[in-house]
């Protein structure tokens, strides 16, 4: 099972396929506990499953996926602390956990999300995915706690600047702009995201639900 297969299933919101692939990756990770790459791949699979679970509003599944994924991501960063991508996926999972649990739990996971993604950025300041992940973390972390939509927008814009063909950057800019009641601008970003990746069901859903004004 490749990352491309995971992304294809994510784009189609194929929850059953993602659950199967995440289970397979977790089984391998449990057998190869000293293999950082196996831990990372399983964590990435769980994060991808959690992403779709949140899109379809299944918070219980998202919580279970992030709980499993964080354990494996933590193993990966312990085994190879110099790997920026391992910190990024750990931070992403923490951010997803914050969004899934809400309340006081979100405070704990939100801080983990920013700490880990900031480590990733220290190790690789030119990765658009690092900025994207930090932006998502800032989007879900209240401004009073050091996050907020305005900060998130800066990160999404930086991600798009570093990779002009990154559909997720435009998708999340659209989400942030809509949160700021800038619907016309949000629609343009969603449209750009759909143009860059027409297979992404969630992007199309966001475009459809966003008013023109």
C-alpha atoms as a PDB file:
ATOM      1  CA  UNK A   1       0.000   0.000   0.000  1.00  0.00           C
ATOM      2  CA  UNK A   2       1.523   3.283  -1.149  1.00  0.00           C
ATOM      3  CA  UNK A   3       0.987   6.894  -0.091  1.00  0.00           C
ATOM      4  CA  UNK A   4      -0.614   7.463  -3.503  1.00  0.00           C
ATOM      5  CA  UNK A   5      -3.244   4.803  -2.733  1.00  0.00           C
ATOM      6  CA  UNK A   6      -3.993   6.482   0.596  1.00  0.00           C
ATOM      7  CA  UNK A   7      -4.413   9.866  -1.080  1.00  0.00           C
ATOM      8  CA  UNK A   8      -6.640   8.387  -3.778  1.00  0.00           C
ATOM      9  CA  UNK A   9      -8.904   6.870  -1.113  1.00  0.00           C
ATOM     10  CA  UNK A  10      -8.879  10.152   0.843  1.00  0.00           C
ATOM     11  CA  UNK A  11      -9.888  12.142  -2.223  1.00  0.00           C
ATOM     12  CA  UNK A  12     -12.815   9.794  -2.829  1.00  0.00           C
ATOM     13  CA  UNK A  13     -13.719   9.753   0.901  1.00  0.00           C
ATOM     14  CA  UNK A  14     -13.444   5.942   0.748  1.00  0.00           C
ATOM     15  CA  UNK A  15     -13.571   5.334   4.474  1.00  0.00           C
ATOM     16  CA  UNK A  16     -13.630   1.531   4.228  1.00  0.00           C
ATOM     17  CA  UNK A  17     -10.477   1.440   2.099  1.00  0.00           C
ATOM     18  CA  UNK A  18      -8.691   3.828   4.446  1.00  0.00           C
ATOM     19  CA  UNK A  19      -9.636   1.773   7.518  1.00  0.00           C
ATOM     20  CA  UNK A  20      -8.292  -1.354   5.824  1.00  0.00           C
ATOM     21  CA  UNK A  21      -5.025   0.287   4.795  1.00  0.00           C
ATOM     22  CA  UNK A  22      -4.518   1.906   8.196  1.00  0.00           C
ATOM     23  CA  UNK A  23      -5.068  -1.450   9.891  1.00  0.00           C
ATOM     24  CA  UNK A  24      -2.506  -3.114   7.634  1.00  0.00           C
ATOM     25  CA  UNK A  25       0.059  -0.381   8.238  1.00  0.00           C
ATOM     26  CA  UNK A  26      -0.500  -0.520  12.000  1.00  0.00           C
ATOM     27  CA  UNK A  27       0.000  -4.293  12.035  1.00  0.00           C
ATOM     28  CA  UNK A  28       3.319  -3.884  10.260  1.00  0.00           C
ATOM     29  CA  UNK A  29       4.374  -1.087  12.620  1.00  0.00           C
ATOM     30  CA  UNK A  30       3.592  -3.246  15.637  1.00  0.00           C
ATOM     31  CA  UNK A  31       5.854  -5.977  14.255  1.00  0.00           C
ATOM     32  CA  UNK A  32       8.663  -3.575  13.312  1.00  0.00           C
ATOM     33  CA  UNK A  33       8.809  -1.290  16.343  1.00  0.00           C
ATOM     34  CA  UNK A  34      12.408  -0.232  15.667  1.00  0.00           C
ATOM     35  CA  UNK A  35      11.702   0.731  12.040  1.00  0.00           C
ATOM     36  CA  UNK A  36      11.071   4.485  11.954  1.00  0.00           C
ATOM     37  CA  UNK A  37       9.770   4.381   8.378  1.00  0.00           C
ATOM     38  CA  UNK A  38       7.172   1.731   9.279  1.00  0.00           C
ATOM     39  CA  UNK A  39       6.028   3.829  12.239  1.00  0.00           C
ATOM     40  CA  UNK A  40       5.770   6.928  10.063  1.00  0.00           C
ATOM     41  CA  UNK A  41       3.844   5.175   7.301  1.00  0.00           C
ATOM     42  CA  UNK A  42       1.317   3.813   9.802  1.00  0.00           C
ATOM     43  CA  UNK A  43       0.981   7.249  11.408  1.00  0.00           C
ATOM     44  CA  UNK A  44       0.429   8.810   7.974  1.00  0.00           C
ATOM     45  CA  UNK A  45      -2.278   6.221   7.225  1.00  0.00           C
ATOM     46  CA  UNK A  46      -4.056   6.960  10.511  1.00  0.00           C
ATOM     47  CA  UNK A  47      -3.812  10.709   9.885  1.00  0.00           C
ATOM     48  CA  UNK A  48      -5.332  10.266   6.423  1.00  0.00           C
ATOM     49  CA  UNK A  49      -8.158   8.190   7.913  1.00  0.00           C
ATOM     50  CA  UNK A  50      -8.724  10.835  10.587  1.00  0.00           C
ATOM     51  CA  UNK A  51      -8.872  13.525   7.910  1.00  0.00           C
ATOM     52  CA  UNK A  52     -11.747  11.799   6.143  1.00  0.00           C
ATOM     53  CA  UNK A  53     -13.448  10.920   9.441  1.00  0.00           C
ATOM     54  CA  UNK A  54     -13.558  14.641  10.263  1.00  0.00           C
ATOM     55  CA  UNK A  55     -14.826  15.471   6.782  1.00  0.00           C
ATOM     56  CA  UNK A  56     -17.785  13.086   7.245  1.00  0.00           C
ATOM     57  CA  UNK A  57     -18.247  14.213  10.868  1.00  0.00           C
ATOM     58  CA  UNK A  58     -17.358  10.893  12.490  1.00  0.00           C
ATOM     59  CA  UNK A  59     -15.536  12.247  15.539  1.00  0.00           C
ATOM     60  CA  UNK A  60     -15.347   8.855  17.251  1.00  0.00           C
ATOM     61  CA  UNK A  61     -13.427   7.371  14.328  1.00  0.00           C
ATOM     62  CA  UNK A  62     -11.245  10.476  14.095  1.00  0.00           C
ATOM     63  CA  UNK A  63     -10.400  10.211  17.785  1.00  0.00           C
ATOM     64  CA  UNK A  64      -9.537   6.506  17.495  1.00  0.00           C
ATOM     65  CA  UNK A  65      -7.384   7.104  14.407  1.00  0.00           C
ATOM     66  CA  UNK A  66      -5.484  10.015  15.929  1.00  0.00           C
ATOM     67  CA  UNK A  67      -4.940   8.123  19.180  1.00  0.00           C
ATOM     68  CA  UNK A  68      -3.370   5.210  17.306  1.00  0.00           C
ATOM     69  CA  UNK A  69      -1.469   7.476  14.925  1.00  0.00           C
ATOM     70  CA  UNK A  70       0.075   9.652  17.633  1.00  0.00           C
ATOM     71  CA  UNK A  71       1.586   6.626  19.345  1.00  0.00           C
ATOM     72  CA  UNK A  72       3.293   5.555  16.124  1.00  0.00           C
ATOM     73  CA  UNK A  73       4.340   9.077  15.177  1.00  0.00           C
ATOM     74  CA  UNK A  74       5.910   9.501  18.608  1.00  0.00           C
ATOM     75  CA  UNK A  75       7.889   6.309  18.044  1.00  0.00           C
ATOM     76  CA  UNK A  76       9.061   7.608  14.660  1.00  0.00           C
ATOM     77  CA  UNK A  77      10.344  10.930  16.046  1.00  0.00           C
ATOM     78  CA  UNK A  78      12.017   9.133  18.947  1.00  0.00           C
ATOM     79  CA  UNK A  79      13.830   6.830  16.539  1.00  0.00           C
ATOM     80  CA  UNK A  80      14.776   9.618  14.090  1.00  0.00           C
ATOM     81  CA  UNK A  81      14.426  13.041  15.741  1.00  0.00           C
ATOM     82  CA  UNK A  82      16.265  14.732  12.873  1.00  0.00           C
ATOM     83  CA  UNK A  83      13.517  13.876  10.346  1.00  0.00           C
ATOM     84  CA  UNK A  84      11.313  16.922   9.706  1.00  0.00           C
ATOM     85  CA  UNK A  85       8.498  14.949   8.071  1.00  0.00           C
ATOM     86  CA  UNK A  86       8.149  12.687  11.097  1.00  0.00           C
ATOM     87  CA  UNK A  87       7.652  15.739  13.334  1.00  0.00           C
ATOM     88  CA  UNK A  88       5.178  17.179  10.823  1.00  0.00           C
ATOM     89  CA  UNK A  89       2.958  14.117  10.821  1.00  0.00           C
ATOM     90  CA  UNK A  90       3.097  13.935  14.631  1.00  0.00           C
ATOM     91  CA  UNK A  91       2.028  17.572  14.816  1.00  0.00           C
ATOM     92  CA  UNK A  92      -0.691  16.998  12.226  1.00  0.00           C
ATOM     93  CA  UNK A  93      -2.109  14.110  14.259  1.00  0.00           C
ATOM     94  CA  UNK A  94      -2.067  16.228  17.423  1.00  0.00           C
ATOM     95  CA  UNK A  95      -3.961  18.948  15.564  1.00  0.00           C
ATOM     96  CA  UNK A  96      -6.499  16.442  14.301  1.00  0.00           C
ATOM     97  CA  UNK A  97      -6.913  15.113  17.848  1.00  0.00           C
ATOM     98  CA  UNK A  98      -7.553  18.655  19.092  1.00  0.00           C
ATOM     99  CA  UNK A  99     -10.262  19.126  16.481  1.00  0.00           C
ATOM    100  CA  UNK A 100     -11.822  15.737  17.275  1.00  0.00           C
ATOM    101  CA  UNK A 101     -11.985  15.967  21.066  1.00  0.00           C
ATOM    102  CA  UNK A 102     -12.587  19.697  21.555  1.00  0.00           C
ATOM    103  CA  UNK A 103     -12.822  21.293  24.998  1.00  0.00           C
ATOM    104  CA  UNK A 104      -9.897  21.033  27.409  1.00  0.00           C
ATOM    105  CA  UNK A 105      -8.443  18.154  25.426  1.00  0.00           C
ATOM    106  CA  UNK A 106      -8.031  20.501  22.478  1.00  0.00           C
ATOM    107  CA  UNK A 107      -5.739  22.733  24.529  1.00  0.00           C
ATOM    108  CA  UNK A 108      -3.352  19.883  25.263  1.00  0.00           C
ATOM    109  CA  UNK A 109      -3.314  18.523  21.725  1.00  0.00           C
ATOM    110  CA  UNK A 110      -3.224  21.979  20.169  1.00  0.00           C
ATOM    111  CA  UNK A 111       0.027  22.795  21.955  1.00  0.00           C
ATOM    112  CA  UNK A 112       1.520  19.456  20.872  1.00  0.00           C
ATOM    113  CA  UNK A 113       0.507  20.238  17.287  1.00  0.00           C
ATOM    114  CA  UNK A 114       2.289  23.583  17.181  1.00  0.00           C
ATOM    115  CA  UNK A 115       5.369  22.335  19.048  1.00  0.00           C
ATOM    116  CA  UNK A 116       5.898  19.422  16.663  1.00  0.00           C
ATOM    117  CA  UNK A 117       5.212  21.339  13.460  1.00  0.00           C
ATOM    118  CA  UNK A 118       7.517  24.139  14.617  1.00  0.00           C
ATOM    119  CA  UNK A 119      10.218  21.486  15.100  1.00  0.00           C
ATOM    120  CA  UNK A 120       9.556  20.336  11.539  1.00  0.00           C
ATOM    121  CA  UNK A 121       9.946  23.916  10.311  1.00  0.00           C
ATOM    122  CA  UNK A 122      13.210  24.331  12.218  1.00  0.00           C
ATOM    123  CA  UNK A 123      14.515  21.253  10.431  1.00  0.00           C
ATOM    124  CA  UNK A 124      13.079  22.183   7.011  1.00  0.00           C
ATOM    125  CA  UNK A 125      11.956  25.785   6.541  1.00  0.00           C
ATOM    126  CA  UNK A 126      11.273  25.321   2.825  1.00  0.00           C
ATOM    127  CA  UNK A 127       8.654  22.577   3.012  1.00  0.00           C
ATOM    128  CA  UNK A 128       5.191  23.803   1.941  1.00  0.00           C
ATOM    129  CA  UNK A 129       3.589  20.921   3.840  1.00  0.00           C
ATOM    130  CA  UNK A 130       5.165  22.130   7.078  1.00  0.00           C
ATOM    131  CA  UNK A 131       3.541  25.534   6.652  1.00  0.00           C
ATOM    132  CA  UNK A 132       0.249  23.929   5.659  1.00  0.00           C
ATOM    133  CA  UNK A 133       0.248  21.759   8.777  1.00  0.00           C
ATOM    134  CA  UNK A 134       1.106  24.689  11.037  1.00  0.00           C
ATOM    135  CA  UNK A 135      -1.676  26.679   9.418  1.00  0.00           C
ATOM    136  CA  UNK A 136      -4.218  23.956  10.128  1.00  0.00           C
ATOM    137  CA  UNK A 137      -3.008  23.833  13.731  1.00  0.00           C
ATOM    138  CA  UNK A 138      -3.354  27.620  14.026  1.00  0.00           C
ATOM    139  CA  UNK A 139      -6.823  27.450  12.466  1.00  0.00           C
ATOM    140  CA  UNK A 140      -8.073  25.150  15.234  1.00  0.00           C
ATOM    141  CA  UNK A 141      -6.117  26.785  18.098  1.00  0.00           C
ATOM    142  CA  UNK A 142      -7.934  29.866  19.480  1.00  0.00           C
ATOM    143  CA  UNK A 143      -6.234  33.241  19.060  1.00  0.00           C
ATOM    144  CA  UNK A 144      -6.141  33.608  22.870  1.00  0.00           C
ATOM    145  CA  UNK A 145      -3.853  30.582  22.968  1.00  0.00           C
ATOM    146  CA  UNK A 146      -1.503  31.752  20.246  1.00  0.00           C
ATOM    147  CA  UNK A 147      -3.362  30.527  17.151  1.00  0.00           C
ATOM    148  CA  UNK A 148      -6.243  31.952  15.154  1.00  0.00           C
ATOM    149  CA  UNK A 149      -7.500  32.258  11.593  1.00  0.00           C
ATOM    150  CA  UNK A 150      -5.353  35.271  10.683  1.00  0.00           C
ATOM    151  CA  UNK A 151      -2.148  33.398  11.584  1.00  0.00           C
ATOM    152  CA  UNK A 152      -3.426  30.341   9.741  1.00  0.00           C
ATOM    153  CA  UNK A 153      -3.951  32.399   6.574  1.00  0.00           C
ATOM    154  CA  UNK A 154      -0.306  33.522   6.605  1.00  0.00           C
ATOM    155  CA  UNK A 155       0.839  29.906   6.747  1.00  0.00           C
ATOM    156  CA  UNK A 156      -1.526  28.808   3.980  1.00  0.00           C
ATOM    157  CA  UNK A 157      -0.317  31.687   1.793  1.00  0.00           C
ATOM    158  CA  UNK A 158       3.304  30.699   2.445  1.00  0.00           C
ATOM    159  CA  UNK A 159       2.543  27.083   1.517  1.00  0.00           C
ATOM    160  CA  UNK A 160       0.932  28.227  -1.745  1.00  0.00           C
ATOM    161  CA  UNK A 161       3.903  30.499  -2.461  1.00  0.00           C
ATOM    162  CA  UNK A 162       6.354  27.606  -2.017  1.00  0.00           C
ATOM    163  CA  UNK A 163       4.268  25.221  -4.146  1.00  0.00           C
ATOM    164  CA  UNK A 164       1.827  26.897  -6.513  1.00  0.00           C
ATOM    165  CA  UNK A 165       0.361  23.505  -7.463  1.00  0.00           C
ATOM    166  CA  UNK A 166      -0.477  22.415  -3.907  1.00  0.00           C
ATOM    167  CA  UNK A 167      -4.283  22.033  -3.892  1.00  0.00           C
ATOM    168  CA  UNK A 168      -4.508  21.729  -0.094  1.00  0.00           C
ATOM    169  CA  UNK A 169      -3.097  25.231   0.357  1.00  0.00           C
ATOM    170  CA  UNK A 170      -5.949  26.722  -1.688  1.00  0.00           C
ATOM    171  CA  UNK A 171      -8.514  24.467  -0.040  1.00  0.00           C
ATOM    172  CA  UNK A 172      -7.501  25.636   3.434  1.00  0.00           C
ATOM    173  CA  UNK A 173      -7.253  29.263   2.354  1.00  0.00           C
ATOM    174  CA  UNK A 174     -10.851  28.884   1.264  1.00  0.00           C
ATOM    175  CA  UNK A 175     -11.835  27.443   4.653  1.00  0.00           C
ATOM    176  CA  UNK A 176     -10.090  30.284   6.482  1.00  0.00           C
ATOM    177  CA  UNK A 177     -11.530  33.004   4.239  1.00  0.00           C
ATOM    178  CA  UNK A 178     -15.027  31.627   4.722  1.00  0.00           C
ATOM    179  CA  UNK A 179     -14.475  31.704   8.492  1.00  0.00           C
ATOM    180  CA  UNK A 180     -13.619  35.393   8.049  1.00  0.00           C
ATOM    181  CA  UNK A 181     -16.889  35.894   6.099  1.00  0.00           C
ATOM    182  CA  UNK A 182     -14.990  36.603   2.873  1.00  0.00           C
ATOM    183  CA  UNK A 183     -17.092  34.203   0.840  1.00  0.00           C
ATOM    184  CA  UNK A 184     -16.345  35.472  -2.664  1.00  0.00           C
ATOM    185  CA  UNK A 185     -12.594  35.118  -2.054  1.00  0.00           C
ATOM    186  CA  UNK A 186     -13.140  31.750  -0.416  1.00  0.00           C
ATOM    187  CA  UNK A 187     -14.963  30.463  -3.488  1.00  0.00           C
ATOM    188  CA  UNK A 188     -12.053  31.488  -5.724  1.00  0.00           C
ATOM    189  CA  UNK A 189      -9.644  29.494  -3.554  1.00  0.00           C
ATOM    190  CA  UNK A 190     -11.929  26.448  -3.502  1.00  0.00           C
ATOM    191  CA  UNK A 191     -12.250  26.659  -7.281  1.00  0.00           C
ATOM    192  CA  UNK A 192      -8.459  26.773  -7.590  1.00  0.00           C
ATOM    193  CA  UNK A 193      -8.152  23.733  -5.335  1.00  0.00           C
ATOM    194  CA  UNK A 194     -10.669  21.801  -7.424  1.00  0.00           C
ATOM    195  CA  UNK A 195      -8.876  22.779 -10.641  1.00  0.00           C
ATOM    196  CA  UNK A 196      -5.582  21.481  -9.231  1.00  0.00           C
ATOM    197  CA  UNK A 197      -7.140  18.258  -7.924  1.00  0.00           C
ATOM    198  CA  UNK A 198     -10.563  17.468  -9.462  1.00  0.00           C
ATOM    199  CA  UNK A 199     -10.759  14.140  -7.622  1.00  0.00           C
ATOM    200  CA  UNK A 200     -10.999  15.726  -4.164  1.00  0.00           C
ATOM    201  CA  UNK A 201     -14.619  15.264  -3.035  1.00  0.00           C
ATOM    202  CA  UNK A 202     -14.298  17.450   0.066  1.00  0.00           C
ATOM    203  CA  UNK A 203     -13.026  20.423  -1.948  1.00  0.00           C
ATOM    204  CA  UNK A 204     -16.066  20.209  -4.205  1.00  0.00           C
ATOM    205  CA  UNK A 205     -18.337  19.997  -1.162  1.00  0.00           C
ATOM    206  CA  UNK A 206     -16.772  23.126   0.343  1.00  0.00           C
ATOM    207  CA  UNK A 207     -17.213  25.035  -2.911  1.00  0.00           C
ATOM    208  CA  UNK A 208     -20.867  24.010  -3.157  1.00  0.00           C
ATOM    209  CA  UNK A 209     -21.705  25.058   0.409  1.00  0.00           C
ATOM    210  CA  UNK A 210     -19.981  28.469   0.220  1.00  0.00           C
ATOM    211  CA  UNK A 211     -22.303  31.379  -0.689  1.00  0.00           C
ATOM    212  CA  UNK A 212     -21.231  33.589  -3.589  1.00  0.00           C
ATOM    213  CA  UNK A 213     -21.247  36.659  -1.341  1.00  0.00           C
END
